[in-house]
């Protein structure tokens, strides 16, 4: 059994009073009243049955016993401060394991890892791309980016970015022999489908295209695959904002038309509530949100410039 220890506040009051040789100055440092410091020291003396200070002519003089005890207390407080700093440093830095879907890793995160490493040299980022939703209780993962409805009990969830689903293609298709002047022109090209043809049916209806049931083109099972196929000029894909942003901003993709449909399962930043305020997790979450917000600003500027180009005679 650990022996009884004096209250920490009393030890801090004693150490500050001894260092300043003044209850008043110790109170200013500790942001308490002079009476509170005096009371703490008197209570400590009573508990130890040892006189720690002599009070002579409004001066505070530490006794020999007090001086010996002060050395012990200073060493203990220094050790506590040092250990606390090491603990906080590990929370601010060290290994941070991130779980994402393969699509998000390939089309969003990989391009930006260098930015994060440059800005946060103390954090050793480890990325695990997997299809399943990570079990934080069983897997060595700190934070995840997953798509869904955001309703995961026991987890802290933050929406990454508002999203839409829209048509994208290679810029080369805009200057080819089959111009894309109206949404119906999309049907002249292979349509790239993710898992099923439902999304294209919905988009064509929103775009006001008749004969939307006449849908053709390959069905792929990865969003990153249909985006890369579109970049290579193999057809026109429907892509969500987050996954298409990098290629749109860097000119590998274009949006031929403004029509879009809502994304029902957006991306969320997810971690256990118990660790959501750890410095390294807060740092990474804030970085994700900042990068996503920057993407949206750039996409708005890009869309505005395209509209202006179309208005020119």
C-alpha atoms as a PDB file:
ATOM      1  CA  UNK A   1       0.000   0.000   0.000  1.00  0.00           C
ATOM      2  CA  UNK A   2       1.293   3.471  -0.908  1.00  0.00           C
ATOM      3  CA  UNK A   3       1.964   5.605   2.208  1.00  0.00           C
ATOM      4  CA  UNK A   4      -0.166   8.699   2.746  1.00  0.00           C
ATOM      5  CA  UNK A   5       1.026  11.698   0.741  1.00  0.00           C
ATOM      6  CA  UNK A   6       0.377  15.371   1.534  1.00  0.00           C
ATOM      7  CA  UNK A   7      -1.994  17.218  -0.823  1.00  0.00           C
ATOM      8  CA  UNK A   8      -0.315  18.368  -4.030  1.00  0.00           C
ATOM      9  CA  UNK A   9      -1.668  21.911  -3.676  1.00  0.00           C
ATOM     10  CA  UNK A  10      -0.046  22.215  -0.252  1.00  0.00           C
ATOM     11  CA  UNK A  11       3.307  21.018  -1.632  1.00  0.00           C
ATOM     12  CA  UNK A  12       3.083  23.483  -4.536  1.00  0.00           C
ATOM     13  CA  UNK A  13       2.269  26.315  -2.121  1.00  0.00           C
ATOM     14  CA  UNK A  14       5.227  25.377   0.095  1.00  0.00           C
ATOM     15  CA  UNK A  15       7.650  25.167  -2.849  1.00  0.00           C
ATOM     16  CA  UNK A  16       6.557  28.532  -4.286  1.00  0.00           C
ATOM     17  CA  UNK A  17       6.668  30.249  -0.890  1.00  0.00           C
ATOM     18  CA  UNK A  18      10.152  28.864  -0.214  1.00  0.00           C
ATOM     19  CA  UNK A  19      11.432  29.933  -3.634  1.00  0.00           C
ATOM     20  CA  UNK A  20      10.057  33.475  -3.317  1.00  0.00           C
ATOM     21  CA  UNK A  21      10.493  33.731   0.467  1.00  0.00           C
ATOM     22  CA  UNK A  22       7.068  35.335   0.389  1.00  0.00           C
ATOM     23  CA  UNK A  23       3.478  34.148   0.702  1.00  0.00           C
ATOM     24  CA  UNK A  24       2.339  37.154  -1.324  1.00  0.00           C
ATOM     25  CA  UNK A  25       4.568  36.482  -4.334  1.00  0.00           C
ATOM     26  CA  UNK A  26       3.792  32.757  -4.162  1.00  0.00           C
ATOM     27  CA  UNK A  27       0.071  33.623  -4.265  1.00  0.00           C
ATOM     28  CA  UNK A  28       0.604  35.795  -7.360  1.00  0.00           C
ATOM     29  CA  UNK A  29       2.385  32.932  -9.139  1.00  0.00           C
ATOM     30  CA  UNK A  30      -0.271  30.376  -8.209  1.00  0.00           C
ATOM     31  CA  UNK A  31      -3.167  32.766  -8.939  1.00  0.00           C
ATOM     32  CA  UNK A  32      -4.663  32.400  -5.457  1.00  0.00           C
ATOM     33  CA  UNK A  33      -4.893  34.660  -2.432  1.00  0.00           C
ATOM     34  CA  UNK A  34      -2.085  35.229   0.038  1.00  0.00           C
ATOM     35  CA  UNK A  35      -4.315  33.794   2.737  1.00  0.00           C
ATOM     36  CA  UNK A  36      -4.817  30.596   0.734  1.00  0.00           C
ATOM     37  CA  UNK A  37      -1.057  30.031   0.459  1.00  0.00           C
ATOM     38  CA  UNK A  38      -0.560  30.713   4.159  1.00  0.00           C
ATOM     39  CA  UNK A  39      -3.380  28.300   5.017  1.00  0.00           C
ATOM     40  CA  UNK A  40      -1.939  25.556   2.791  1.00  0.00           C
ATOM     41  CA  UNK A  41       1.524  25.879   4.341  1.00  0.00           C
ATOM     42  CA  UNK A  42       0.136  25.876   7.899  1.00  0.00           C
ATOM     43  CA  UNK A  43      -1.938  22.791   7.108  1.00  0.00           C
ATOM     44  CA  UNK A  44       1.167  21.058   5.711  1.00  0.00           C
ATOM     45  CA  UNK A  45       3.176  21.938   8.807  1.00  0.00           C
ATOM     46  CA  UNK A  46       0.389  20.579  11.000  1.00  0.00           C
ATOM     47  CA  UNK A  47       0.165  17.347   9.013  1.00  0.00           C
ATOM     48  CA  UNK A  48       3.928  16.798   9.110  1.00  0.00           C
ATOM     49  CA  UNK A  49       4.286  18.098  12.689  1.00  0.00           C
ATOM     50  CA  UNK A  50       7.313  20.035  11.452  1.00  0.00           C
ATOM     51  CA  UNK A  51       7.906  23.782  11.307  1.00  0.00           C
ATOM     52  CA  UNK A  52       8.866  24.677   7.743  1.00  0.00           C
ATOM     53  CA  UNK A  53       9.110  28.480   8.058  1.00  0.00           C
ATOM     54  CA  UNK A  54       9.946  31.005  10.736  1.00  0.00           C
ATOM     55  CA  UNK A  55       7.989  34.227  10.431  1.00  0.00           C
ATOM     56  CA  UNK A  56      10.152  37.097  11.715  1.00  0.00           C
ATOM     57  CA  UNK A  57       9.349  40.794  11.305  1.00  0.00           C
ATOM     58  CA  UNK A  58       7.157  40.171   8.252  1.00  0.00           C
ATOM     59  CA  UNK A  59       9.913  38.072   6.706  1.00  0.00           C
ATOM     60  CA  UNK A  60       9.577  34.433   5.758  1.00  0.00           C
ATOM     61  CA  UNK A  61      12.618  32.344   6.666  1.00  0.00           C
ATOM     62  CA  UNK A  62      12.781  28.682   5.782  1.00  0.00           C
ATOM     63  CA  UNK A  63      13.913  26.357   8.564  1.00  0.00           C
ATOM     64  CA  UNK A  64      16.624  23.722   8.224  1.00  0.00           C
ATOM     65  CA  UNK A  65      13.966  21.006   8.133  1.00  0.00           C
ATOM     66  CA  UNK A  66      12.074  23.033   5.532  1.00  0.00           C
ATOM     67  CA  UNK A  67      15.205  23.360   3.389  1.00  0.00           C
ATOM     68  CA  UNK A  68      15.781  19.598   3.437  1.00  0.00           C
ATOM     69  CA  UNK A  69      12.134  18.961   2.570  1.00  0.00           C
ATOM     70  CA  UNK A  70      12.249  21.594  -0.194  1.00  0.00           C
ATOM     71  CA  UNK A  71      14.999  19.670  -2.014  1.00  0.00           C
ATOM     72  CA  UNK A  72      12.822  16.558  -1.998  1.00  0.00           C
ATOM     73  CA  UNK A  73       9.701  18.416  -3.169  1.00  0.00           C
ATOM     74  CA  UNK A  74      11.553  20.262  -5.941  1.00  0.00           C
ATOM     75  CA  UNK A  75      12.988  17.013  -7.251  1.00  0.00           C
ATOM     76  CA  UNK A  76       9.563  15.362  -7.174  1.00  0.00           C
ATOM     77  CA  UNK A  77       7.827  18.285  -8.931  1.00  0.00           C
ATOM     78  CA  UNK A  78      10.585  18.427 -11.547  1.00  0.00           C
ATOM     79  CA  UNK A  79      10.133  14.712 -12.222  1.00  0.00           C
ATOM     80  CA  UNK A  80       6.373  15.138 -12.530  1.00  0.00           C
ATOM     81  CA  UNK A  81       6.805  18.070 -14.921  1.00  0.00           C
ATOM     82  CA  UNK A  82       9.348  16.164 -17.016  1.00  0.00           C
ATOM     83  CA  UNK A  83       7.213  13.026 -17.154  1.00  0.00           C
ATOM     84  CA  UNK A  84       4.129  15.054 -18.092  1.00  0.00           C
ATOM     85  CA  UNK A  85       6.007  16.764 -20.916  1.00  0.00           C
ATOM     86  CA  UNK A  86       7.225  13.428 -22.268  1.00  0.00           C
ATOM     87  CA  UNK A  87       3.678  12.065 -22.143  1.00  0.00           C
ATOM     88  CA  UNK A  88       2.259  15.101 -23.954  1.00  0.00           C
ATOM     89  CA  UNK A  89       5.042  14.923 -26.514  1.00  0.00           C
ATOM     90  CA  UNK A  90       4.112  11.315 -27.293  1.00  0.00           C
ATOM     91  CA  UNK A  91       0.492  12.407 -27.735  1.00  0.00           C
ATOM     92  CA  UNK A  92       1.503  15.283 -30.018  1.00  0.00           C
ATOM     93  CA  UNK A  93       3.862  13.129 -32.058  1.00  0.00           C
ATOM     94  CA  UNK A  94       4.825   9.512 -32.637  1.00  0.00           C
ATOM     95  CA  UNK A  95       3.011   6.954 -34.773  1.00  0.00           C
ATOM     96  CA  UNK A  96      -0.479   7.801 -36.032  1.00  0.00           C
ATOM     97  CA  UNK A  97      -2.246   4.916 -37.787  1.00  0.00           C
ATOM     98  CA  UNK A  98      -4.993   5.911 -40.207  1.00  0.00           C
ATOM     99  CA  UNK A  99      -7.545   3.568 -41.769  1.00  0.00           C
ATOM    100  CA  UNK A 100      -9.246   4.522 -45.056  1.00  0.00           C
ATOM    101  CA  UNK A 101     -10.929   2.845 -47.981  1.00  0.00           C
ATOM    102  CA  UNK A 102      -8.639   1.970 -50.919  1.00  0.00           C
ATOM    103  CA  UNK A 103     -10.447   4.564 -53.073  1.00  0.00           C
ATOM    104  CA  UNK A 104      -9.944   7.406 -50.605  1.00  0.00           C
ATOM    105  CA  UNK A 105      -6.318   6.423 -50.064  1.00  0.00           C
ATOM    106  CA  UNK A 106      -5.580   6.277 -53.795  1.00  0.00           C
ATOM    107  CA  UNK A 107      -7.504   9.316 -55.063  1.00  0.00           C
ATOM    108  CA  UNK A 108      -7.302  11.704 -52.094  1.00  0.00           C
ATOM    109  CA  UNK A 109      -4.805  10.881 -49.372  1.00  0.00           C
ATOM    110  CA  UNK A 110      -1.720   9.624 -51.218  1.00  0.00           C
ATOM    111  CA  UNK A 111      -1.318  12.865 -53.189  1.00  0.00           C
ATOM    112  CA  UNK A 112      -1.136  14.904 -49.985  1.00  0.00           C
ATOM    113  CA  UNK A 113       1.041  12.830 -47.660  1.00  0.00           C
ATOM    114  CA  UNK A 114       4.069  14.957 -48.459  1.00  0.00           C
ATOM    115  CA  UNK A 115       2.214  18.109 -47.391  1.00  0.00           C
ATOM    116  CA  UNK A 116       1.381  16.589 -44.039  1.00  0.00           C
ATOM    117  CA  UNK A 117       4.890  15.208 -43.445  1.00  0.00           C
ATOM    118  CA  UNK A 118       6.456  18.601 -44.131  1.00  0.00           C
ATOM    119  CA  UNK A 119       4.109  20.412 -41.762  1.00  0.00           C
ATOM    120  CA  UNK A 120       4.176  17.819 -38.944  1.00  0.00           C
ATOM    121  CA  UNK A 121       7.607  16.224 -38.798  1.00  0.00           C
ATOM    122  CA  UNK A 122       6.982  14.705 -35.355  1.00  0.00           C
ATOM    123  CA  UNK A 123       4.065  12.520 -36.505  1.00  0.00           C
ATOM    124  CA  UNK A 124       4.906   9.209 -38.163  1.00  0.00           C
ATOM    125  CA  UNK A 125       1.869   8.540 -40.343  1.00  0.00           C
ATOM    126  CA  UNK A 126       0.883   4.955 -41.132  1.00  0.00           C
ATOM    127  CA  UNK A 127      -1.934   4.398 -43.647  1.00  0.00           C
ATOM    128  CA  UNK A 128      -3.952   1.190 -43.753  1.00  0.00           C
ATOM    129  CA  UNK A 129      -6.300   0.868 -46.745  1.00  0.00           C
ATOM    130  CA  UNK A 130      -9.083  -1.661 -46.160  1.00  0.00           C
ATOM    131  CA  UNK A 131     -12.681  -2.192 -47.193  1.00  0.00           C
ATOM    132  CA  UNK A 132     -14.065  -3.011 -43.741  1.00  0.00           C
ATOM    133  CA  UNK A 133     -14.942  -0.471 -41.055  1.00  0.00           C
ATOM    134  CA  UNK A 134     -12.168  -0.623 -38.501  1.00  0.00           C
ATOM    135  CA  UNK A 135     -12.901  -1.958 -34.991  1.00  0.00           C
ATOM    136  CA  UNK A 136     -11.024   0.522 -32.791  1.00  0.00           C
ATOM    137  CA  UNK A 137     -11.296  -1.793 -29.770  1.00  0.00           C
ATOM    138  CA  UNK A 138      -9.514  -4.652 -31.557  1.00  0.00           C
ATOM    139  CA  UNK A 139      -7.298  -3.012 -34.171  1.00  0.00           C
ATOM    140  CA  UNK A 140      -4.256  -0.783 -33.729  1.00  0.00           C
ATOM    141  CA  UNK A 141      -5.808   2.218 -35.499  1.00  0.00           C
ATOM    142  CA  UNK A 142      -6.054   5.784 -34.182  1.00  0.00           C
ATOM    143  CA  UNK A 143      -8.367   7.454 -36.681  1.00  0.00           C
ATOM    144  CA  UNK A 144     -10.303   6.507 -39.817  1.00  0.00           C
ATOM    145  CA  UNK A 145     -11.928   8.100 -42.842  1.00  0.00           C
ATOM    146  CA  UNK A 146     -15.015   6.160 -43.904  1.00  0.00           C
ATOM    147  CA  UNK A 147     -18.175   6.821 -45.862  1.00  0.00           C
ATOM    148  CA  UNK A 148     -21.621   6.198 -44.443  1.00  0.00           C
ATOM    149  CA  UNK A 149     -24.438   7.906 -42.569  1.00  0.00           C
ATOM    150  CA  UNK A 150     -22.218   9.115 -39.717  1.00  0.00           C
ATOM    151  CA  UNK A 151     -24.212   7.225 -37.103  1.00  0.00           C
ATOM    152  CA  UNK A 152     -21.680   5.083 -35.255  1.00  0.00           C
ATOM    153  CA  UNK A 153     -22.398   4.914 -31.482  1.00  0.00           C
ATOM    154  CA  UNK A 154     -19.407   5.496 -29.243  1.00  0.00           C
ATOM    155  CA  UNK A 155     -17.373   7.191 -31.969  1.00  0.00           C
ATOM    156  CA  UNK A 156     -16.557  10.841 -32.573  1.00  0.00           C
ATOM    157  CA  UNK A 157     -17.619  11.704 -36.152  1.00  0.00           C
ATOM    158  CA  UNK A 158     -16.892  14.838 -38.194  1.00  0.00           C
ATOM    159  CA  UNK A 159     -18.110  15.331 -41.767  1.00  0.00           C
ATOM    160  CA  UNK A 160     -15.152  15.746 -44.113  1.00  0.00           C
ATOM    161  CA  UNK A 161     -16.831  17.778 -46.858  1.00  0.00           C
ATOM    162  CA  UNK A 162     -20.160  18.295 -48.673  1.00  0.00           C
ATOM    163  CA  UNK A 163     -20.308  16.125 -51.791  1.00  0.00           C
ATOM    164  CA  UNK A 164     -22.143  15.718 -55.066  1.00  0.00           C
ATOM    165  CA  UNK A 165     -21.999  13.083 -57.805  1.00  0.00           C
ATOM    166  CA  UNK A 166     -21.331  14.465 -61.301  1.00  0.00           C
ATOM    167  CA  UNK A 167     -20.012  13.509 -64.740  1.00  0.00           C
ATOM    168  CA  UNK A 168     -16.258  13.746 -65.415  1.00  0.00           C
ATOM    169  CA  UNK A 169     -14.107  12.958 -68.413  1.00  0.00           C
ATOM    170  CA  UNK A 170     -10.705  13.559 -69.938  1.00  0.00           C
ATOM    171  CA  UNK A 171     -10.186  17.056 -71.400  1.00  0.00           C
ATOM    172  CA  UNK A 172      -9.306  15.283 -74.679  1.00  0.00           C
ATOM    173  CA  UNK A 173     -12.934  14.232 -75.114  1.00  0.00           C
ATOM    174  CA  UNK A 174     -14.042  17.876 -75.245  1.00  0.00           C
ATOM    175  CA  UNK A 175     -11.957  18.460 -78.354  1.00  0.00           C
ATOM    176  CA  UNK A 176     -12.689  15.145 -80.066  1.00  0.00           C
ATOM    177  CA  UNK A 177     -14.881  14.400 -83.049  1.00  0.00           C
ATOM    178  CA  UNK A 178     -18.000  14.031 -80.883  1.00  0.00           C
ATOM    179  CA  UNK A 179     -18.359  17.359 -79.049  1.00  0.00           C
ATOM    180  CA  UNK A 180     -20.053  17.444 -75.629  1.00  0.00           C
ATOM    181  CA  UNK A 181     -22.407  20.373 -76.108  1.00  0.00           C
ATOM    182  CA  UNK A 182     -25.472  19.110 -74.239  1.00  0.00           C
ATOM    183  CA  UNK A 183     -26.017  16.333 -71.647  1.00  0.00           C
ATOM    184  CA  UNK A 184     -27.542  13.972 -74.228  1.00  0.00           C
ATOM    185  CA  UNK A 185     -24.191  13.952 -76.057  1.00  0.00           C
ATOM    186  CA  UNK A 186     -22.830  11.848 -73.193  1.00  0.00           C
ATOM    187  CA  UNK A 187     -24.656   8.853 -74.678  1.00  0.00           C
ATOM    188  CA  UNK A 188     -22.262   8.942 -77.647  1.00  0.00           C
ATOM    189  CA  UNK A 189     -19.468   7.748 -75.355  1.00  0.00           C
ATOM    190  CA  UNK A 190     -18.881   4.654 -73.221  1.00  0.00           C
ATOM    191  CA  UNK A 191     -20.276   5.252 -69.736  1.00  0.00           C
ATOM    192  CA  UNK A 192     -18.159   3.944 -66.859  1.00  0.00           C
ATOM    193  CA  UNK A 193     -20.276   2.398 -64.108  1.00  0.00           C
ATOM    194  CA  UNK A 194     -19.532   1.737 -60.447  1.00  0.00           C
ATOM    195  CA  UNK A 195     -21.076  -1.583 -59.299  1.00  0.00           C
ATOM    196  CA  UNK A 196     -24.356  -0.988 -61.167  1.00  0.00           C
ATOM    197  CA  UNK A 197     -25.952   1.311 -63.731  1.00  0.00           C
ATOM    198  CA  UNK A 198     -28.290   3.008 -61.230  1.00  0.00           C
ATOM    199  CA  UNK A 199     -26.205   6.159 -60.705  1.00  0.00           C
ATOM    200  CA  UNK A 200     -26.096   6.960 -64.410  1.00  0.00           C
ATOM    201  CA  UNK A 201     -29.859   6.440 -64.702  1.00  0.00           C
ATOM    202  CA  UNK A 202     -30.400   8.958 -61.884  1.00  0.00           C
ATOM    203  CA  UNK A 203     -27.923  11.488 -63.294  1.00  0.00           C
ATOM    204  CA  UNK A 204     -29.379  11.365 -66.811  1.00  0.00           C
ATOM    205  CA  UNK A 205     -32.871  11.917 -65.404  1.00  0.00           C
ATOM    206  CA  UNK A 206     -31.655  14.941 -63.421  1.00  0.00           C
ATOM    207  CA  UNK A 207     -29.898  16.253 -66.543  1.00  0.00           C
ATOM    208  CA  UNK A 208     -33.164  15.917 -68.501  1.00  0.00           C
ATOM    209  CA  UNK A 209     -31.895  13.341 -70.976  1.00  0.00           C
ATOM    210  CA  UNK A 210     -34.592  11.291 -72.734  1.00  0.00           C
ATOM    211  CA  UNK A 211     -33.910   7.649 -73.438  1.00  0.00           C
ATOM    212  CA  UNK A 212     -31.906   7.332 -70.231  1.00  0.00           C
ATOM    213  CA  UNK A 213     -32.576   3.599 -70.207  1.00  0.00           C
ATOM    214  CA  UNK A 214     -30.154   3.205 -73.142  1.00  0.00           C
ATOM    215  CA  UNK A 215     -27.075   2.878 -70.955  1.00  0.00           C
ATOM    216  CA  UNK A 216     -23.917   1.109 -72.004  1.00  0.00           C
ATOM    217  CA  UNK A 217     -20.302   0.723 -70.924  1.00  0.00           C
ATOM    218  CA  UNK A 218     -18.282  -1.406 -68.474  1.00  0.00           C
ATOM    219  CA  UNK A 219     -19.152  -1.939 -64.805  1.00  0.00           C
ATOM    220  CA  UNK A 220     -16.196  -1.694 -62.410  1.00  0.00           C
ATOM    221  CA  UNK A 221     -16.128  -2.286 -58.649  1.00  0.00           C
ATOM    222  CA  UNK A 222     -13.774   0.499 -57.524  1.00  0.00           C
ATOM    223  CA  UNK A 223     -14.419   4.225 -57.732  1.00  0.00           C
ATOM    224  CA  UNK A 224     -10.704   4.856 -58.231  1.00  0.00           C
ATOM    225  CA  UNK A 225     -10.755   2.543 -61.260  1.00  0.00           C
ATOM    226  CA  UNK A 226     -13.549   4.384 -63.065  1.00  0.00           C
ATOM    227  CA  UNK A 227     -11.871   7.746 -62.373  1.00  0.00           C
ATOM    228  CA  UNK A 228      -8.548   6.517 -63.758  1.00  0.00           C
ATOM    229  CA  UNK A 229     -10.330   5.055 -66.778  1.00  0.00           C
ATOM    230  CA  UNK A 230     -11.957   8.443 -67.391  1.00  0.00           C
ATOM    231  CA  UNK A 231      -8.568  10.179 -67.108  1.00  0.00           C
ATOM    232  CA  UNK A 232      -7.254   7.805 -69.775  1.00  0.00           C
ATOM    233  CA  UNK A 233     -10.076   8.752 -72.140  1.00  0.00           C
ATOM    234  CA  UNK A 234     -11.854   5.405 -71.966  1.00  0.00           C
ATOM    235  CA  UNK A 235     -15.262   6.945 -71.335  1.00  0.00           C
ATOM    236  CA  UNK A 236     -17.226   9.223 -69.032  1.00  0.00           C
ATOM    237  CA  UNK A 237     -17.562   8.472 -65.316  1.00  0.00           C
ATOM    238  CA  UNK A 238     -19.688   9.667 -62.466  1.00  0.00           C
ATOM    239  CA  UNK A 239     -17.440  10.729 -59.596  1.00  0.00           C
ATOM    240  CA  UNK A 240     -18.016  12.116 -56.126  1.00  0.00           C
ATOM    241  CA  UNK A 241     -16.536  15.491 -55.224  1.00  0.00           C
ATOM    242  CA  UNK A 242     -13.917  14.220 -52.788  1.00  0.00           C
ATOM    243  CA  UNK A 243     -12.456  11.546 -55.041  1.00  0.00           C
ATOM    244  CA  UNK A 244     -12.443  13.658 -58.229  1.00  0.00           C
ATOM    245  CA  UNK A 245     -11.149  16.910 -56.680  1.00  0.00           C
ATOM    246  CA  UNK A 246      -7.402  16.326 -57.120  1.00  0.00           C
ATOM    247  CA  UNK A 247      -7.704  15.381 -60.795  1.00  0.00           C
ATOM    248  CA  UNK A 248     -10.141  18.201 -61.552  1.00  0.00           C
ATOM    249  CA  UNK A 249      -7.912  20.813 -59.901  1.00  0.00           C
ATOM    250  CA  UNK A 250      -4.839  19.516 -61.722  1.00  0.00           C
ATOM    251  CA  UNK A 251      -6.527  19.385 -65.131  1.00  0.00           C
ATOM    252  CA  UNK A 252      -6.631  15.629 -65.659  1.00  0.00           C
ATOM    253  CA  UNK A 253     -10.426  15.652 -65.496  1.00  0.00           C
ATOM    254  CA  UNK A 254     -13.123  18.130 -66.461  1.00  0.00           C
ATOM    255  CA  UNK A 255     -16.814  18.454 -65.684  1.00  0.00           C
ATOM    256  CA  UNK A 256     -18.589  18.747 -69.046  1.00  0.00           C
ATOM    257  CA  UNK A 257     -21.939  19.647 -67.410  1.00  0.00           C
ATOM    258  CA  UNK A 258     -23.072  21.139 -64.093  1.00  0.00           C
ATOM    259  CA  UNK A 259     -25.827  18.568 -63.408  1.00  0.00           C
ATOM    260  CA  UNK A 260     -25.264  16.589 -60.198  1.00  0.00           C
ATOM    261  CA  UNK A 261     -27.037  14.317 -57.736  1.00  0.00           C
ATOM    262  CA  UNK A 262     -26.547  14.187 -53.945  1.00  0.00           C
ATOM    263  CA  UNK A 263     -24.162  11.678 -52.368  1.00  0.00           C
ATOM    264  CA  UNK A 264     -26.099   9.657 -49.810  1.00  0.00           C
ATOM    265  CA  UNK A 265     -23.058   8.325 -47.930  1.00  0.00           C
ATOM    266  CA  UNK A 266     -20.433  11.090 -47.573  1.00  0.00           C
ATOM    267  CA  UNK A 267     -17.019  10.726 -45.976  1.00  0.00           C
ATOM    268  CA  UNK A 268     -16.562  11.098 -42.203  1.00  0.00           C
ATOM    269  CA  UNK A 269     -13.512  11.454 -39.981  1.00  0.00           C
ATOM    270  CA  UNK A 270     -13.971   8.896 -37.216  1.00  0.00           C
ATOM    271  CA  UNK A 271     -12.182   8.028 -33.976  1.00  0.00           C
ATOM    272  CA  UNK A 272     -13.088   6.839 -30.460  1.00  0.00           C
ATOM    273  CA  UNK A 273     -14.579   9.586 -28.311  1.00  0.00           C
ATOM    274  CA  UNK A 274     -12.060   8.807 -25.561  1.00  0.00           C
ATOM    275  CA  UNK A 275      -9.120   9.767 -27.798  1.00  0.00           C
ATOM    276  CA  UNK A 276     -10.726  12.464 -29.944  1.00  0.00           C
ATOM    277  CA  UNK A 277      -8.872  15.290 -28.158  1.00  0.00           C
ATOM    278  CA  UNK A 278      -5.380  13.779 -28.280  1.00  0.00           C
ATOM    279  CA  UNK A 279      -3.116  16.409 -29.887  1.00  0.00           C
ATOM    280  CA  UNK A 280      -1.885  14.239 -32.762  1.00  0.00           C
ATOM    281  CA  UNK A 281      -5.452  13.190 -33.622  1.00  0.00           C
ATOM    282  CA  UNK A 282      -6.688  16.792 -33.476  1.00  0.00           C
ATOM    283  CA  UNK A 283      -3.751  17.811 -35.688  1.00  0.00           C
ATOM    284  CA  UNK A 284      -4.548  15.197 -38.324  1.00  0.00           C
ATOM    285  CA  UNK A 285      -8.305  15.848 -38.246  1.00  0.00           C
ATOM    286  CA  UNK A 286      -7.765  19.607 -38.623  1.00  0.00           C
ATOM    287  CA  UNK A 287      -5.394  18.956 -41.530  1.00  0.00           C
ATOM    288  CA  UNK A 288      -7.945  16.734 -43.291  1.00  0.00           C
ATOM    289  CA  UNK A 289     -10.656  19.390 -42.914  1.00  0.00           C
ATOM    290  CA  UNK A 290      -8.320  22.155 -44.104  1.00  0.00           C
ATOM    291  CA  UNK A 291      -7.292  20.195 -47.199  1.00  0.00           C
ATOM    292  CA  UNK A 292     -10.925  19.369 -48.036  1.00  0.00           C
ATOM    293  CA  UNK A 293     -11.969  23.021 -47.607  1.00  0.00           C
ATOM    294  CA  UNK A 294      -9.121  24.123 -49.869  1.00  0.00           C
ATOM    295  CA  UNK A 295     -10.319  21.662 -52.522  1.00  0.00           C
ATOM    296  CA  UNK A 296     -13.827  23.144 -52.449  1.00  0.00           C
ATOM    297  CA  UNK A 297     -12.472  26.687 -52.826  1.00  0.00           C
ATOM    298  CA  UNK A 298     -10.341  25.664 -55.803  1.00  0.00           C
ATOM    299  CA  UNK A 299     -13.232  23.795 -57.408  1.00  0.00           C
ATOM    300  CA  UNK A 300     -15.477  26.863 -57.071  1.00  0.00           C
ATOM    301  CA  UNK A 301     -12.808  29.038 -58.719  1.00  0.00           C
ATOM    302  CA  UNK A 302     -12.393  26.449 -61.471  1.00  0.00           C
ATOM    303  CA  UNK A 303     -16.148  26.269 -62.112  1.00  0.00           C
ATOM    304  CA  UNK A 304     -16.383  30.063 -62.216  1.00  0.00           C
ATOM    305  CA  UNK A 305     -13.568  30.334 -64.763  1.00  0.00           C
ATOM    306  CA  UNK A 306     -15.211  27.665 -66.966  1.00  0.00           C
ATOM    307  CA  UNK A 307     -18.520  29.567 -66.913  1.00  0.00           C
ATOM    308  CA  UNK A 308     -16.717  32.750 -67.923  1.00  0.00           C
ATOM    309  CA  UNK A 309     -15.003  30.950 -70.810  1.00  0.00           C
ATOM    310  CA  UNK A 310     -18.349  29.715 -72.146  1.00  0.00           C
ATOM    311  CA  UNK A 311     -19.795  33.235 -72.046  1.00  0.00           C
ATOM    312  CA  UNK A 312     -17.016  34.695 -74.220  1.00  0.00           C
ATOM    313  CA  UNK A 313     -17.963  35.245 -77.888  1.00  0.00           C
END
